[in-house]
Amino acid sequence: MTWNGEEYQSRFDRIAAEGGDIHGEAALVRSFQPASVLDAGCGTGRVAIELARHGIAVTGVDVDESMLATARRRAPGISWYQRDLVDLDLGQSFDVVVMAGNVPLFTPPGTEPALVAGVAGHVRPAGRLVAGFSLNRGYTLDDYDAHCRAAGLTFEVRYATWSREPYTGGEYAVSVHCRP
């Protein structure tokens, strides 16, 4: 899939200009009071930039150069890396790793276990992996939870939205797993 970073970002710029809240993901991540965050599948940097604005050390990773070009233009002081999240190895760990925006659904089918292992490998002890994605595209919560367990993470809590509405079923979930 080919993206246009500027076009993608313009959608969020419009939502913000109309008074919409585009920072729900960052607010949830901030609630864990992390000192460091890896924004895995960062796109144009919307989440990472908001976290950095609150004094959190952020690193962004995305496979798409167009998305990263927009992120670098918007926040040149943040470390941005062009990498595939499948089997990711940055050689560092973070208090929180966040995958916002349906990241698991944009990886090739069958690579989900390696995706989860790649990002989970960057969660430091007592840290968290936070991921939100649609459940109507074939990747189930049972599968995701199993991939997290295989990567050494334990389930903590699940929400229906980034604003922490209780999850009672439905087509979207935000899952929090932690490293003991």
Protein backbone atom coordinates (compact mmCIF):
# COMPACT_ATOMS: atom_id res chain seq x y z
CA MET A 1 0.00 0.00 0.00
CA THR A 2 1.33 3.44 -0.94
CA TRP A 3 0.52 6.41 1.27
CA ASN A 4 0.63 10.16 0.81
CA GLY A 5 1.76 11.57 4.14
CA GLU A 6 0.62 15.13 3.51
CA GLU A 7 -2.81 14.00 2.35
CA TYR A 8 -3.14 11.66 5.33
CA GLN A 9 -2.15 14.41 7.77
CA SER A 10 -4.54 16.92 6.20
CA ARG A 11 -7.47 14.79 7.39
CA PHE A 12 -6.38 15.17 11.02
CA ASP A 13 -5.62 18.86 10.50
CA ARG A 14 -9.21 19.33 9.30
CA ILE A 15 -10.65 17.44 12.26
CA ALA A 16 -8.59 19.56 14.68
CA ALA A 17 -9.55 22.80 12.91
CA GLU A 18 -13.21 21.83 13.31
CA GLY A 19 -12.70 21.35 17.06
CA GLY A 20 -12.37 17.57 17.06
CA ASP A 21 -10.12 15.78 19.53
CA ILE A 22 -7.30 14.08 17.65
CA HIS A 23 -5.23 13.24 20.71
CA GLY A 24 -7.16 10.43 22.41
CA GLU A 25 -4.36 7.94 21.81
CA ALA A 26 -1.77 10.28 23.33
CA ALA A 27 -4.01 11.00 26.32
CA LEU A 28 -4.35 7.29 27.09
CA VAL A 29 -0.60 6.75 26.74
CA ARG A 30 0.09 9.77 28.98
CA SER A 31 -2.14 8.27 31.69
CA PHE A 32 0.60 5.68 32.26
CA GLN A 33 3.11 8.50 32.99
CA PRO A 34 5.84 7.17 30.72
CA ALA A 35 9.22 8.83 30.39
CA SER A 36 9.75 7.18 27.00
CA VAL A 37 7.45 5.98 24.22
CA LEU A 38 7.93 4.13 20.95
CA ASP A 39 5.22 5.10 18.46
CA ALA A 40 5.23 1.94 16.34
CA GLY A 41 3.58 2.59 12.99
CA CYS A 42 3.77 6.32 13.69
CA GLY A 43 2.54 7.51 10.32
CA THR A 44 2.83 11.31 10.15
CA GLY A 45 3.68 11.51 13.84
CA ARG A 46 0.37 12.77 15.21
CA VAL A 47 0.60 10.72 18.43
CA ALA A 48 4.37 11.03 18.87
CA ILE A 49 4.35 14.80 18.41
CA GLU A 50 1.59 15.25 20.99
CA LEU A 51 3.48 13.08 23.48
CA ALA A 52 6.69 15.04 22.89
CA ARG A 53 4.75 18.26 23.47
CA HIS A 54 4.13 16.93 26.99
CA GLY A 55 7.83 16.30 27.64
CA ILE A 56 7.92 12.59 26.87
CA ALA A 57 10.94 11.22 25.01
CA VAL A 58 9.47 9.73 21.83
CA THR A 59 10.79 7.65 18.96
CA GLY A 60 8.69 7.03 15.85
CA VAL A 61 8.94 4.10 13.46
CA ASP A 62 7.06 3.56 10.22
CA VAL A 63 7.68 1.62 7.03
CA ASP A 64 6.34 4.36 4.74
CA GLU A 65 8.77 7.10 3.68
CA SER A 66 6.01 9.53 2.67
CA MET A 67 4.46 9.34 6.14
CA LEU A 68 7.87 9.80 7.75
CA ALA A 69 8.72 12.76 5.52
CA THR A 70 5.63 14.52 6.86
CA ALA A 71 6.52 13.55 10.43
CA ARG A 72 10.08 14.84 10.00
CA ARG A 73 8.82 18.12 8.56
CA ARG A 74 6.37 18.59 11.44
CA ALA A 75 8.80 17.62 14.22
CA PRO A 76 12.45 17.47 13.15
CA GLY A 77 13.62 17.05 16.76
CA ILE A 78 12.04 13.62 17.18
CA SER A 79 13.94 10.49 16.15
CA TRP A 80 12.08 8.95 13.19
CA TYR A 81 13.09 5.59 11.72
CA GLN A 82 11.99 3.90 8.53
CA ARG A 83 11.67 0.25 9.50
CA ASP A 84 9.28 -2.65 9.16
CA LEU A 85 7.74 -3.47 12.54
CA VAL A 86 7.92 -7.18 11.80
CA ASP A 87 11.01 -8.33 13.68
CA LEU A 88 11.86 -4.73 14.66
CA ASP A 89 15.12 -4.24 16.56
CA LEU A 90 16.09 -0.70 17.55
CA GLY A 91 18.37 -1.90 20.34
CA GLN A 92 16.47 0.00 23.03
CA SER A 93 13.41 -0.33 25.23
CA PHE A 94 10.60 2.02 26.25
CA ASP A 95 8.11 2.52 29.06
CA VAL A 96 5.25 2.33 26.54
CA VAL A 97 5.06 1.08 22.99
CA VAL A 98 1.92 2.29 21.24
CA MET A 99 0.37 1.02 18.02
CA ALA A 100 -2.44 3.42 17.12
CA GLY A 101 -4.38 3.49 13.87
CA ASN A 102 -4.98 -0.18 13.09
CA VAL A 103 -1.26 -0.96 12.74
CA PRO A 104 -1.65 -4.77 12.96
CA LEU A 105 -4.09 -4.65 10.06
CA PHE A 106 -1.55 -3.09 7.70
CA THR A 107 0.99 -5.87 7.99
CA PRO A 108 0.86 -8.80 5.56
CA PRO A 109 -1.44 -11.62 6.71
CA GLY A 110 0.48 -14.20 8.69
CA THR A 111 3.09 -11.76 9.99
CA GLU A 112 1.08 -10.69 13.05
CA PRO A 113 3.04 -12.90 15.50
CA ALA A 114 6.33 -11.41 14.26
CA LEU A 115 4.86 -7.90 14.39
CA VAL A 116 3.81 -8.31 18.00
CA ALA A 117 7.14 -9.92 18.91
CA GLY A 118 9.02 -7.10 17.19
CA VAL A 119 7.27 -4.29 19.04
CA ALA A 120 6.97 -6.23 22.34
CA GLY A 121 10.73 -6.67 22.33
CA HIS A 122 10.95 -2.92 22.94
CA VAL A 123 8.76 -2.92 26.07
CA ARG A 124 10.96 -2.61 29.15
CA PRO A 125 10.19 -4.47 32.38
CA ALA A 126 7.00 -3.04 33.98
CA GLY A 127 6.29 -1.31 30.66
CA ARG A 128 3.25 -1.60 28.43
CA LEU A 129 2.20 -2.32 24.87
CA VAL A 130 -0.95 -0.37 23.94
CA ALA A 131 -2.68 -1.17 20.65
CA GLY A 132 -6.00 -0.20 19.12
CA PHE A 133 -7.42 -1.82 16.02
CA SER A 134 -10.62 -2.82 14.26
CA LEU A 135 -11.79 -6.36 14.84
CA ASN A 136 -13.73 -6.81 11.62
CA ARG A 137 -10.76 -7.62 9.37
CA GLY A 138 -9.79 -11.11 10.46
CA TYR A 139 -7.30 -10.42 13.27
CA THR A 140 -9.03 -11.39 16.50
CA LEU A 141 -8.43 -10.41 20.10
CA ASP A 142 -7.79 -14.07 20.93
CA ASP A 143 -5.03 -14.14 18.31
CA TYR A 144 -3.59 -10.82 19.47
CA ASP A 145 -3.62 -11.88 23.13
CA ALA A 146 -1.91 -15.17 22.22
CA HIS A 147 0.76 -13.29 20.27
CA CYS A 148 1.31 -10.97 23.24
CA ARG A 149 1.63 -13.96 25.62
CA ALA A 150 4.13 -15.59 23.27
CA ALA A 151 6.13 -12.34 23.35
CA GLY A 152 6.24 -12.39 27.16
CA LEU A 153 3.46 -9.86 27.84
CA THR A 154 0.47 -10.26 30.13
CA PHE A 155 -2.99 -8.85 29.63
CA GLU A 156 -3.80 -5.81 31.77
CA VAL A 157 -6.98 -4.12 30.48
CA ARG A 158 -9.07 -3.63 27.36
CA TYR A 159 -11.13 -0.62 26.29
CA ALA A 160 -13.67 -0.04 23.52
CA THR A 161 -12.12 3.35 22.69
CA TRP A 162 -9.00 5.38 23.33
CA SER A 163 -11.06 7.44 25.80
CA ARG A 164 -11.26 4.30 27.99
CA GLU A 165 -14.87 3.33 27.45
CA PRO A 166 -15.32 -0.20 28.84
CA TYR A 167 -14.93 -2.96 26.29
CA THR A 168 -18.04 -5.14 26.17
CA GLY A 169 -17.62 -6.48 22.65
CA GLY A 170 -17.79 -4.71 19.34
CA GLU A 171 -15.72 -4.03 16.27
CA TYR A 172 -12.88 -2.02 17.87
CA ALA A 173 -10.69 -2.53 20.92
CA VAL A 174 -7.76 -0.88 22.63
CA SER A 175 -5.68 -3.46 24.48
CA VAL A 176 -3.06 -2.91 27.15
CA HIS A 177 -0.52 -5.63 27.86
CA CYS A 178 2.41 -5.31 30.26
CA ARG A 179 5.81 -6.87 30.71
CA PRO A 180 6.11 -8.29 34.24
